[in-house]
Amino acid sequence: MVMFFAIRTSLKHFRGEGGCCGGGTIPKIKKQKLNQVIETKRIKIEGIECKHCCKKISAVLNSLDYVNANVSLKRKEAIVKLGRTVSEDILQKTIEEIGYQVVLIDSKV
């Protein structure tokens, strides 16, 4: 009986339907092709636990104008390329609004 519930919960987690990031559907947002990259930032993020978390953070960052983001599960960070100046406060607020914590934003990438 215990194994049944453990397997069922694990399957939900791997499908992105529960667990660390709450699951649910993430809208597909294409990365923007930037004509020019004026700045690259590395954002260390606490709370990334699975690929679903990465997709969620990537989608919300890529929804911002002039932002192209790649999120790494292994490094627990986002590499963000900017086509114009975007304040660190906006990037941090965008990530934290969906339940993750920004630990560090480094402009020297």
PDB file of N, CA and C in Angstrom:
ATOM      1  N   MET A   1       0.825  -1.198   0.000  1.00  0.00           N
ATOM      2  CA  MET A   1       0.000   0.000   0.000  1.00  0.00           C
ATOM      3  C   MET A   1       0.869   1.262   0.000  1.00  0.00           C
ATOM      4  N   VAL A   2       1.899   1.271   0.836  1.00  0.00           N
ATOM      5  CA  VAL A   2       2.795   2.422   0.910  1.00  0.00           C
ATOM      6  C   VAL A   2       3.508   2.620  -0.428  1.00  0.00           C
ATOM      7  N   MET A   3       3.944   1.521  -1.030  1.00  0.00           N
ATOM      8  CA  MET A   3       4.635   1.594  -2.321  1.00  0.00           C
ATOM      9  C   MET A   3       3.723   2.182  -3.400  1.00  0.00           C
ATOM     10  N   PHE A   4       2.454   1.834  -3.367  1.00  0.00           N
ATOM     11  CA  PHE A   4       1.501   2.348  -4.342  1.00  0.00           C
ATOM     12  C   PHE A   4       1.444   3.870  -4.291  1.00  0.00           C
ATOM     13  N   PHE A   5       1.297   4.426  -3.084  1.00  0.00           N
ATOM     14  CA  PHE A   5       1.216   5.880  -2.944  1.00  0.00           C
ATOM     15  C   PHE A   5       2.543   6.554  -3.282  1.00  0.00           C
ATOM     16  N   ALA A   6       3.650   5.916  -2.952  1.00  0.00           N
ATOM     17  CA  ALA A   6       4.967   6.476  -3.270  1.00  0.00           C
ATOM     18  C   ALA A   6       5.163   6.554  -4.783  1.00  0.00           C
ATOM     19  N   ILE A   7       4.791   5.498  -5.480  1.00  0.00           N
ATOM     20  CA  ILE A   7       4.937   5.472  -6.939  1.00  0.00           C
ATOM     21  C   ILE A   7       3.994   6.480  -7.583  1.00  0.00           C
ATOM     22  N   ARG A   8       2.773   6.533  -7.104  1.00  0.00           N
ATOM     23  CA  ARG A   8       1.794   7.466  -7.659  1.00  0.00           C
ATOM     24  C   ARG A   8       2.247   8.915  -7.481  1.00  0.00           C
ATOM     25  N   THR A   9       2.758   9.254  -6.310  1.00  0.00           N
ATOM     26  CA  THR A   9       3.251  10.601  -6.041  1.00  0.00           C
ATOM     27  C   THR A   9       4.464  10.915  -6.905  1.00  0.00           C
ATOM     28  N   SER A  10       5.357   9.946  -7.069  1.00  0.00           N
ATOM     29  CA  SER A  10       6.547  10.157  -7.898  1.00  0.00           C
ATOM     30  C   SER A  10       6.168  10.409  -9.348  1.00  0.00           C
ATOM     31  N   LEU A  11       5.222   9.658  -9.860  1.00  0.00           N
ATOM     32  CA  LEU A  11       4.787   9.847 -11.247  1.00  0.00           C
ATOM     33  C   LEU A  11       4.201  11.242 -11.453  1.00  0.00           C
ATOM     34  N   LYS A  12       3.404  11.708 -10.497  1.00  0.00           N
ATOM     35  CA  LYS A  12       2.845  13.057 -10.584  1.00  0.00           C
ATOM     36  C   LYS A  12       3.959  14.097 -10.603  1.00  0.00           C
ATOM     37  N   HIS A  13       4.945  13.901  -9.747  1.00  0.00           N
ATOM     38  CA  HIS A  13       6.053  14.851  -9.666  1.00  0.00           C
ATOM     39  C   HIS A  13       6.802  14.920 -10.994  1.00  0.00           C
ATOM     40  N   PHE A  14       7.125  13.774 -11.580  1.00  0.00           N
ATOM     41  CA  PHE A  14       7.880  13.756 -12.826  1.00  0.00           C
ATOM     42  C   PHE A  14       7.077  14.294 -14.008  1.00  0.00           C
ATOM     43  N   ARG A  15       5.773  14.264 -13.903  1.00  0.00           N
ATOM     44  CA  ARG A  15       4.936  14.869 -14.939  1.00  0.00           C
ATOM     45  C   ARG A  15       4.729  16.361 -14.692  1.00  0.00           C
ATOM     46  N   GLY A  16       5.258  16.867 -13.572  1.00  0.00           N
ATOM     47  CA  GLY A  16       5.107  18.286 -13.245  1.00  0.00           C
ATOM     48  C   GLY A  16       3.758  18.617 -12.651  1.00  0.00           C
ATOM     49  N   GLU A  17       3.116  17.640 -12.040  1.00  0.00           N
ATOM     50  CA  GLU A  17       1.782  17.843 -11.482  1.00  0.00           C
ATOM     51  C   GLU A  17       1.789  17.978  -9.965  1.00  0.00           C
ATOM     52  N   GLY A  18       2.916  18.161  -9.389  1.00  0.00           N
ATOM     53  CA  GLY A  18       2.964  18.309  -7.939  1.00  0.00           C
ATOM     54  C   GLY A  18       4.389  18.418  -7.482  1.00  0.00           C
ATOM     55  N   GLY A  19       4.597  18.326  -6.211  1.00  0.00           N
ATOM     56  CA  GLY A  19       5.963  18.361  -5.693  1.00  0.00           C
ATOM     57  C   GLY A  19       6.445  19.773  -5.434  1.00  0.00           C
ATOM     58  N   CYS A  20       7.699  19.982  -5.695  1.00  0.00           N
ATOM     59  CA  CYS A  20       8.396  21.202  -5.280  1.00  0.00           C
ATOM     60  C   CYS A  20       7.808  22.479  -5.862  1.00  0.00           C
ATOM     61  N   CYS A  21       7.383  22.457  -7.084  1.00  0.00           N
ATOM     62  CA  CYS A  21       6.994  23.706  -7.739  1.00  0.00           C
ATOM     63  C   CYS A  21       5.496  23.813  -7.981  1.00  0.00           C
ATOM     64  N   GLY A  22       4.735  22.905  -7.467  1.00  0.00           N
ATOM     65  CA  GLY A  22       3.295  23.004  -7.565  1.00  0.00           C
ATOM     66  C   GLY A  22       2.693  22.447  -8.833  1.00  0.00           C
ATOM     67  N   GLY A  23       3.510  22.079  -9.786  1.00  0.00           N
ATOM     68  CA  GLY A  23       2.997  21.486 -11.010  1.00  0.00           C
ATOM     69  C   GLY A  23       2.181  22.466 -11.822  1.00  0.00           C
ATOM     70  N   GLY A  24       1.293  21.940 -12.604  1.00  0.00           N
ATOM     71  CA  GLY A  24       0.462  22.784 -13.454  1.00  0.00           C
ATOM     72  C   GLY A  24       1.048  22.931 -14.839  1.00  0.00           C
ATOM     73  N   THR A  25       0.335  23.634 -15.673  1.00  0.00           N
ATOM     74  CA  THR A  25       0.747  23.819 -17.052  1.00  0.00           C
ATOM     75  C   THR A  25       1.556  25.102 -17.187  1.00  0.00           C
ATOM     76  N   ILE A  26       2.653  25.010 -17.923  1.00  0.00           N
ATOM     77  CA  ILE A  26       3.485  26.178 -18.172  1.00  0.00           C
ATOM     78  C   ILE A  26       3.294  26.571 -19.625  1.00  0.00           C
ATOM     79  N   PRO A  27       2.924  27.837 -19.863  1.00  0.00           N
ATOM     80  CA  PRO A  27       2.750  28.241 -21.262  1.00  0.00           C
ATOM     81  C   PRO A  27       4.088  28.213 -21.996  1.00  0.00           C
ATOM     82  N   LYS A  28       4.056  27.813 -23.261  1.00  0.00           N
ATOM     83  CA  LYS A  28       5.270  27.820 -24.076  1.00  0.00           C
ATOM     84  C   LYS A  28       5.568  29.255 -24.477  1.00  0.00           C
ATOM     85  N   ILE A  29       6.725  29.729 -24.074  1.00  0.00           N
ATOM     86  CA  ILE A  29       7.160  31.062 -24.455  1.00  0.00           C
ATOM     87  C   ILE A  29       8.495  30.912 -25.149  1.00  0.00           C
ATOM     88  N   LYS A  30       8.542  31.316 -26.409  1.00  0.00           N
ATOM     89  CA  LYS A  30       9.776  31.203 -27.171  1.00  0.00           C
ATOM     90  C   LYS A  30      10.794  32.200 -26.653  1.00  0.00           C
ATOM     91  N   LYS A  31      12.054  31.771 -26.683  1.00  0.00           N
ATOM     92  CA  LYS A  31      13.127  32.687 -26.364  1.00  0.00           C
ATOM     93  C   LYS A  31      13.181  33.742 -27.449  1.00  0.00           C
ATOM     94  N   GLN A  32      13.399  34.959 -27.019  1.00  0.00           N
ATOM     95  CA  GLN A  32      13.487  36.048 -27.979  1.00  0.00           C
ATOM     96  C   GLN A  32      14.860  36.066 -28.631  1.00  0.00           C
ATOM     97  N   LYS A  33      14.863  36.280 -29.930  1.00  0.00           N
ATOM     98  CA  LYS A  33      16.141  36.470 -30.624  1.00  0.00           C
ATOM     99  C   LYS A  33      16.495  37.939 -30.471  1.00  0.00           C
ATOM    100  N   LEU A  34      17.609  38.173 -29.840  1.00  0.00           N
ATOM    101  CA  LEU A  34      18.029  39.541 -29.599  1.00  0.00           C
ATOM    102  C   LEU A  34      18.962  39.990 -30.718  1.00  0.00           C
ATOM    103  N   ASN A  35      18.700  41.160 -31.278  1.00  0.00           N
ATOM    104  CA  ASN A  35      19.574  41.697 -32.314  1.00  0.00           C
ATOM    105  C   ASN A  35      20.947  42.009 -31.749  1.00  0.00           C
ATOM    106  N   GLN A  36      20.954  42.401 -30.505  1.00  0.00           N
ATOM    107  CA  GLN A  36      22.193  42.802 -29.860  1.00  0.00           C
ATOM    108  C   GLN A  36      22.076  42.488 -28.378  1.00  0.00           C
ATOM    109  N   VAL A  37      23.118  41.908 -27.815  1.00  0.00           N
ATOM    110  CA  VAL A  37      23.152  41.636 -26.377  1.00  0.00           C
ATOM    111  C   VAL A  37      24.002  42.720 -25.736  1.00  0.00           C
ATOM    112  N   ILE A  38      23.365  43.529 -24.886  1.00  0.00           N
ATOM    113  CA  ILE A  38      24.128  44.607 -24.256  1.00  0.00           C
ATOM    114  C   ILE A  38      24.655  44.219 -22.875  1.00  0.00           C
ATOM    115  N   GLU A  39      24.058  43.154 -22.305  1.00  0.00           N
ATOM    116  CA  GLU A  39      24.502  42.732 -20.980  1.00  0.00           C
ATOM    117  C   GLU A  39      24.073  41.290 -20.730  1.00  0.00           C
ATOM    118  N   THR A  40      24.884  40.580 -19.974  1.00  0.00           N
ATOM    119  CA  THR A  40      24.550  39.218 -19.550  1.00  0.00           C
ATOM    120  C   THR A  40      24.652  39.158 -18.038  1.00  0.00           C
ATOM    121  N   LYS A  41      23.642  38.563 -17.410  1.00  0.00           N
ATOM    122  CA  LYS A  41      23.621  38.454 -15.943  1.00  0.00           C
ATOM    123  C   LYS A  41      23.471  36.998 -15.541  1.00  0.00           C
ATOM    124  N   ARG A  42      24.106  36.636 -14.435  1.00  0.00           N
ATOM    125  CA  ARG A  42      23.945  35.315 -13.828  1.00  0.00           C
ATOM    126  C   ARG A  42      23.122  35.523 -12.559  1.00  0.00           C
ATOM    127  N   ILE A  43      22.022  34.781 -12.457  1.00  0.00           N
ATOM    128  CA  ILE A  43      21.144  34.902 -11.300  1.00  0.00           C
ATOM    129  C   ILE A  43      21.133  33.566 -10.561  1.00  0.00           C
ATOM    130  N   LYS A  44      21.660  33.547  -9.344  1.00  0.00           N
ATOM    131  CA  LYS A  44      21.616  32.355  -8.498  1.00  0.00           C
ATOM    132  C   LYS A  44      20.244  32.310  -7.839  1.00  0.00           C
ATOM    133  N   ILE A  45      19.589  31.148  -7.931  1.00  0.00           N
ATOM    134  CA  ILE A  45      18.210  31.017  -7.472  1.00  0.00           C
ATOM    135  C   ILE A  45      18.081  29.836  -6.514  1.00  0.00           C
ATOM    136  N   GLU A  46      17.437  30.087  -5.393  1.00  0.00           N
ATOM    137  CA  GLU A  46      17.186  29.034  -4.418  1.00  0.00           C
ATOM    138  C   GLU A  46      15.776  28.489  -4.625  1.00  0.00           C
ATOM    139  N   GLY A  47      15.645  27.162  -4.551  1.00  0.00           N
ATOM    140  CA  GLY A  47      14.335  26.533  -4.671  1.00  0.00           C
ATOM    141  C   GLY A  47      14.134  25.752  -5.953  1.00  0.00           C
ATOM    142  N   ILE A  48      15.121  25.752  -6.847  1.00  0.00           N
ATOM    143  CA  ILE A  48      15.013  24.978  -8.086  1.00  0.00           C
ATOM    144  C   ILE A  48      15.263  23.513  -7.738  1.00  0.00           C
ATOM    145  N   GLU A  49      14.256  22.671  -7.969  1.00  0.00           N
ATOM    146  CA  GLU A  49      14.357  21.258  -7.596  1.00  0.00           C
ATOM    147  C   GLU A  49      14.205  20.288  -8.765  1.00  0.00           C
ATOM    148  N   CYS A  50      13.645  20.752  -9.880  1.00  0.00           N
ATOM    149  CA  CYS A  50      13.404  19.830 -10.997  1.00  0.00           C
ATOM    150  C   CYS A  50      13.368  20.596 -12.314  1.00  0.00           C
ATOM    151  N   LYS A  51      13.234  19.857 -13.413  1.00  0.00           N
ATOM    152  CA  LYS A  51      13.178  20.480 -14.740  1.00  0.00           C
ATOM    153  C   LYS A  51      11.941  21.362 -14.882  1.00  0.00           C
ATOM    154  N   HIS A  52      10.879  20.987 -14.197  1.00  0.00           N
ATOM    155  CA  HIS A  52       9.663  21.790 -14.239  1.00  0.00           C
ATOM    156  C   HIS A  52       9.919  23.172 -13.639  1.00  0.00           C
ATOM    157  N   CYS A  53      10.689  23.233 -12.565  1.00  0.00           N
ATOM    158  CA  CYS A  53      11.065  24.520 -11.967  1.00  0.00           C
ATOM    159  C   CYS A  53      11.839  25.359 -12.984  1.00  0.00           C
ATOM    160  N   CYS A  54      12.776  24.738 -13.673  1.00  0.00           N
ATOM    161  CA  CYS A  54      13.586  25.439 -14.679  1.00  0.00           C
ATOM    162  C   CYS A  54      12.704  26.006 -15.782  1.00  0.00           C
ATOM    163  N   LYS A  55      11.765  25.200 -16.263  1.00  0.00           N
ATOM    164  CA  LYS A  55      10.872  25.654 -17.322  1.00  0.00           C
ATOM    165  C   LYS A  55      10.002  26.817 -16.862  1.00  0.00           C
ATOM    166  N   LYS A  56       9.547  26.738 -15.619  1.00  0.00           N
ATOM    167  CA  LYS A  56       8.689  27.783 -15.067  1.00  0.00           C
ATOM    168  C   LYS A  56       9.445  29.108 -14.970  1.00  0.00           C
ATOM    169  N   ILE A  57      10.664  29.065 -14.444  1.00  0.00           N
ATOM    170  CA  ILE A  57      11.480  30.279 -14.307  1.00  0.00           C
ATOM    171  C   ILE A  57      11.853  30.809 -15.689  1.00  0.00           C
ATOM    172  N   SER A  58      12.241  29.925 -16.580  1.00  0.00           N
ATOM    173  CA  SER A  58      12.618  30.321 -17.933  1.00  0.00           C
ATOM    174  C   SER A  58      11.443  31.000 -18.637  1.00  0.00           C
ATOM    175  N   ALA A  59      10.255  30.445 -18.512  1.00  0.00           N
ATOM    176  CA  ALA A  59       9.069  31.005 -19.168  1.00  0.00           C
ATOM    177  C   ALA A  59       8.762  32.406 -18.655  1.00  0.00           C
ATOM    178  N   VAL A  60       8.843  32.591 -17.345  1.00  0.00           N
ATOM    179  CA  VAL A  60       8.501  33.901 -16.789  1.00  0.00           C
ATOM    180  C   VAL A  60       9.558  34.948 -17.159  1.00  0.00           C
ATOM    181  N   LEU A  61      10.826  34.559 -17.173  1.00  0.00           N
ATOM    182  CA  LEU A  61      11.871  35.512 -17.575  1.00  0.00           C
ATOM    183  C   LEU A  61      11.773  35.843 -19.061  1.00  0.00           C
ATOM    184  N   ASN A  62      11.547  34.825 -19.886  1.00  0.00           N
ATOM    185  CA  ASN A  62      11.465  35.042 -21.330  1.00  0.00           C
ATOM    186  C   ASN A  62      10.204  35.799 -21.745  1.00  0.00           C
ATOM    187  N   SER A  63       9.248  35.930 -20.843  1.00  0.00           N
ATOM    188  CA  SER A  63       8.055  36.721 -21.142  1.00  0.00           C
ATOM    189  C   SER A  63       8.331  38.227 -21.053  1.00  0.00           C
ATOM    190  N   LEU A  64       9.457  38.594 -20.439  1.00  0.00           N
ATOM    191  CA  LEU A  64       9.851  40.003 -20.351  1.00  0.00           C
ATOM    192  C   LEU A  64      10.435  40.460 -21.689  1.00  0.00           C
ATOM    193  N   ASP A  65      10.202  41.697 -22.052  1.00  0.00           N
ATOM    194  CA  ASP A  65      10.754  42.246 -23.293  1.00  0.00           C
ATOM    195  C   ASP A  65      12.268  42.326 -23.219  1.00  0.00           C
ATOM    196  N   TYR A  66      12.912  41.974 -24.325  1.00  0.00           N
ATOM    197  CA  TYR A  66      14.365  42.054 -24.490  1.00  0.00           C
ATOM    198  C   TYR A  66      15.138  41.144 -23.530  1.00  0.00           C
ATOM    199  N   VAL A  67      14.532  40.026 -23.147  1.00  0.00           N
ATOM    200  CA  VAL A  67      15.184  39.078 -22.238  1.00  0.00           C
ATOM    201  C   VAL A  67      15.223  37.703 -22.876  1.00  0.00           C
ATOM    202  N   ASN A  68      16.394  37.074 -22.831  1.00  0.00           N
ATOM    203  CA  ASN A  68      16.594  35.704 -23.303  1.00  0.00           C
ATOM    204  C   ASN A  68      17.266  34.954 -22.163  1.00  0.00           C
ATOM    205  N   ALA A  69      16.560  33.994 -21.553  1.00  0.00           N
ATOM    206  CA  ALA A  69      17.060  33.323 -20.355  1.00  0.00           C
ATOM    207  C   ALA A  69      17.196  31.815 -20.547  1.00  0.00           C
ATOM    208  N   ASN A  70      18.259  31.260 -19.966  1.00  0.00           N
ATOM    209  CA  ASN A  70      18.467  29.813 -19.870  1.00  0.00           C
ATOM    210  C   ASN A  70      18.646  29.482 -18.398  1.00  0.00           C
ATOM    211  N   VAL A  71      17.899  28.498 -17.903  1.00  0.00           N
ATOM    212  CA  VAL A  71      17.959  28.134 -16.493  1.00  0.00           C
ATOM    213  C   VAL A  71      18.590  26.752 -16.357  1.00  0.00           C
ATOM    214  N   SER A  72      19.558  26.633 -15.450  1.00  0.00           N
ATOM    215  CA  SER A  72      20.269  25.381 -15.222  1.00  0.00           C
ATOM    216  C   SER A  72      19.839  24.756 -13.902  1.00  0.00           C
ATOM    217  N   LEU A  73      19.361  23.508 -13.981  1.00  0.00           N
ATOM    218  CA  LEU A  73      18.996  22.757 -12.781  1.00  0.00           C
ATOM    219  C   LEU A  73      20.247  22.407 -11.979  1.00  0.00           C
ATOM    220  N   LYS A  74      21.271  21.988 -12.661  1.00  0.00           N
ATOM    221  CA  LYS A  74      22.509  21.563 -12.003  1.00  0.00           C
ATOM    222  C   LYS A  74      23.166  22.712 -11.225  1.00  0.00           C
ATOM    223  N   ARG A  75      23.212  23.879 -11.842  1.00  0.00           N
ATOM    224  CA  ARG A  75      23.882  25.025 -11.211  1.00  0.00           C
ATOM    225  C   ARG A  75      22.940  25.874 -10.363  1.00  0.00           C
ATOM    226  N   LYS A  76      21.643  25.631 -10.484  1.00  0.00           N
ATOM    227  CA  LYS A  76      20.625  26.414  -9.762  1.00  0.00           C
ATOM    228  C   LYS A  76      20.765  27.899 -10.081  1.00  0.00           C
ATOM    229  N   GLU A  77      20.845  28.193 -11.393  1.00  0.00           N
ATOM    230  CA  GLU A  77      21.026  29.579 -11.815  1.00  0.00           C
ATOM    231  C   GLU A  77      20.398  29.806 -13.181  1.00  0.00           C
ATOM    232  N   ALA A  78      20.193  31.086 -13.467  1.00  0.00           N
ATOM    233  CA  ALA A  78      19.722  31.506 -14.788  1.00  0.00           C
ATOM    234  C   ALA A  78      20.789  32.396 -15.407  1.00  0.00           C
ATOM    235  N   ILE A  79      21.085  32.156 -16.680  1.00  0.00           N
ATOM    236  CA  ILE A  79      21.947  33.044 -17.446  1.00  0.00           C
ATOM    237  C   ILE A  79      20.992  33.854 -18.314  1.00  0.00           C
ATOM    238  N   VAL A  80      21.006  35.165 -18.108  1.00  0.00           N
ATOM    239  CA  VAL A  80      20.049  36.052 -18.754  1.00  0.00           C
ATOM    240  C   VAL A  80      20.789  37.026 -19.669  1.00  0.00           C
ATOM    241  N   LYS A  81      20.442  36.985 -20.943  1.00  0.00           N
ATOM    242  CA  LYS A  81      21.000  37.928 -21.916  1.00  0.00           C
ATOM    243  C   LYS A  81      19.960  39.021 -22.128  1.00  0.00           C
ATOM    244  N   LEU A  82      20.428  40.255 -22.122  1.00  0.00           N
ATOM    245  CA  LEU A  82      19.529  41.394 -22.220  1.00  0.00           C
ATOM    246  C   LEU A  82      19.802  42.189 -23.489  1.00  0.00           C
ATOM    247  N   GLY A  83      18.728  42.537 -24.205  1.00  0.00           N
ATOM    248  CA  GLY A  83      18.836  43.346 -25.403  1.00  0.00           C
ATOM    249  C   GLY A  83      18.721  44.828 -25.115  1.00  0.00           C
ATOM    250  N   ARG A  84      18.364  45.168 -23.911  1.00  0.00           N
ATOM    251  CA  ARG A  84      18.340  46.546 -23.416  1.00  0.00           C
ATOM    252  C   ARG A  84      18.480  46.481 -21.901  1.00  0.00           C
ATOM    253  N   THR A  85      18.633  47.611 -21.271  1.00  0.00           N
ATOM    254  CA  THR A  85      18.807  47.622 -19.823  1.00  0.00           C
ATOM    255  C   THR A  85      17.503  47.216 -19.133  1.00  0.00           C
ATOM    256  N   VAL A  86      17.611  46.195 -18.305  1.00  0.00           N
ATOM    257  CA  VAL A  86      16.498  45.733 -17.477  1.00  0.00           C
ATOM    258  C   VAL A  86      17.032  45.725 -16.052  1.00  0.00           C
ATOM    259  N   SER A  87      16.338  46.381 -15.151  1.00  0.00           N
ATOM    260  CA  SER A  87      16.854  46.505 -13.791  1.00  0.00           C
ATOM    261  C   SER A  87      16.875  45.158 -13.076  1.00  0.00           C
ATOM    262  N   GLU A  88      17.835  45.019 -12.175  1.00  0.00           N
ATOM    263  CA  GLU A  88      17.943  43.797 -11.370  1.00  0.00           C
ATOM    264  C   GLU A  88      16.702  43.621 -10.500  1.00  0.00           C
ATOM    265  N   ASP A  89      16.102  44.727 -10.072  1.00  0.00           N
ATOM    266  CA  ASP A  89      14.881  44.652  -9.262  1.00  0.00           C
ATOM    267  C   ASP A  89      13.743  43.979 -10.024  1.00  0.00           C
ATOM    268  N   ILE A  90      13.624  44.291 -11.315  1.00  0.00           N
ATOM    269  CA  ILE A  90      12.564  43.681 -12.131  1.00  0.00           C
ATOM    270  C   ILE A  90      12.816  42.185 -12.286  1.00  0.00           C
ATOM    271  N   LEU A  91      14.061  41.812 -12.573  1.00  0.00           N
ATOM    272  CA  LEU A  91      14.395  40.390 -12.711  1.00  0.00           C
ATOM    273  C   LEU A  91      14.126  39.644 -11.405  1.00  0.00           C
ATOM    274  N   GLN A  92      14.555  40.218 -10.293  1.00  0.00           N
ATOM    275  CA  GLN A  92      14.360  39.578  -8.986  1.00  0.00           C
ATOM    276  C   GLN A  92      12.880  39.454  -8.648  1.00  0.00           C
ATOM    277  N   LYS A  93      12.129  40.525  -8.830  1.00  0.00           N
ATOM    278  CA  LYS A  93      10.694  40.509  -8.519  1.00  0.00           C
ATOM    279  C   LYS A  93       9.961  39.472  -9.370  1.00  0.00           C
ATOM    280  N   THR A  94      10.323  39.392 -10.646  1.00  0.00           N
ATOM    281  CA  THR A  94       9.680  38.442 -11.557  1.00  0.00           C
ATOM    282  C   THR A  94       9.880  37.010 -11.083  1.00  0.00           C
ATOM    283  N   ILE A  95      11.096  36.683 -10.640  1.00  0.00           N
ATOM    284  CA  ILE A  95      11.396  35.326 -10.163  1.00  0.00           C
ATOM    285  C   ILE A  95      10.727  35.061  -8.826  1.00  0.00           C
ATOM    286  N   GLU A  96      10.790  36.018  -7.931  1.00  0.00           N
ATOM    287  CA  GLU A  96      10.250  35.815  -6.587  1.00  0.00           C
ATOM    288  C   GLU A  96       8.727  35.765  -6.560  1.00  0.00           C
ATOM    289  N   GLU A  97       8.068  36.391  -7.536  1.00  0.00           N
ATOM    290  CA  GLU A  97       6.606  36.336  -7.607  1.00  0.00           C
ATOM    291  C   GLU A  97       6.083  34.927  -7.869  1.00  0.00           C
ATOM    292  N   ILE A  98       6.922  34.054  -8.440  1.00  0.00           N
ATOM    293  CA  ILE A  98       6.467  32.686  -8.703  1.00  0.00           C
ATOM    294  C   ILE A  98       7.003  31.695  -7.666  1.00  0.00           C
ATOM    295  N   GLY A  99       7.575  32.227  -6.560  1.00  0.00           N
ATOM    296  CA  GLY A  99       7.898  31.370  -5.429  1.00  0.00           C
ATOM    297  C   GLY A  99       9.340  30.939  -5.252  1.00  0.00           C
ATOM    298  N   TYR A 100      10.260  31.546  -5.967  1.00  0.00           N
ATOM    299  CA  TYR A 100      11.672  31.200  -5.817  1.00  0.00           C
ATOM    300  C   TYR A 100      12.408  32.375  -5.188  1.00  0.00           C
ATOM    301  N   GLN A 101      13.589  32.120  -4.642  1.00  0.00           N
ATOM    302  CA  GLN A 101      14.347  33.173  -3.979  1.00  0.00           C
ATOM    303  C   GLN A 101      15.632  33.463  -4.755  1.00  0.00           C
ATOM    304  N   VAL A 102      15.816  34.718  -5.092  1.00  0.00           N
ATOM    305  CA  VAL A 102      17.041  35.146  -5.754  1.00  0.00           C
ATOM    306  C   VAL A 102      18.105  35.352  -4.681  1.00  0.00           C
ATOM    307  N   VAL A 103      19.227  34.652  -4.840  1.00  0.00           N
ATOM    308  CA  VAL A 103      20.314  34.720  -3.869  1.00  0.00           C
ATOM    309  C   VAL A 103      21.348  35.758  -4.296  1.00  0.00           C
ATOM    310  N   LEU A 104      21.606  35.832  -5.606  1.00  0.00           N
ATOM    311  CA  LEU A 104      22.656  36.707  -6.111  1.00  0.00           C
ATOM    312  C   LEU A 104      22.402  37.020  -7.574  1.00  0.00           C
ATOM    313  N   ILE A 105      22.645  38.272  -7.950  1.00  0.00           N
ATOM    314  CA  ILE A 105      22.617  38.660  -9.363  1.00  0.00           C
ATOM    315  C   ILE A 105      24.009  39.208  -9.672  1.00  0.00           C
ATOM    316  N   ASP A 106      24.683  38.549 -10.599  1.00  0.00           N
ATOM    317  CA  ASP A 106      26.057  38.906 -10.952  1.00  0.00           C
ATOM    318  C   ASP A 106      26.094  39.385 -12.391  1.00  0.00           C
ATOM    319  N   SER A 107      26.564  40.613 -12.589  1.00  0.00           N
ATOM    320  CA  SER A 107      26.640  41.190 -13.932  1.00  0.00           C
ATOM    321  C   SER A 107      27.940  40.837 -14.648  1.00  0.00           C
ATOM    322  N   LYS A 108      28.868  40.268 -13.947  1.00  0.00           N
ATOM    323  CA  LYS A 108      30.173  39.960 -14.537  1.00  0.00           C
ATOM    324  C   LYS A 108      30.225  38.490 -14.953  1.00  0.00           C
ATOM    325  N   VAL A 109      29.602  38.201 -16.056  1.00  0.00           N
ATOM    326  CA  VAL A 109      29.541  36.819 -16.546  1.00  0.00           C
ATOM    327  C   VAL A 109      30.541  36.650 -17.672  1.00  0.00           C
TER     328      VAL A 109
END
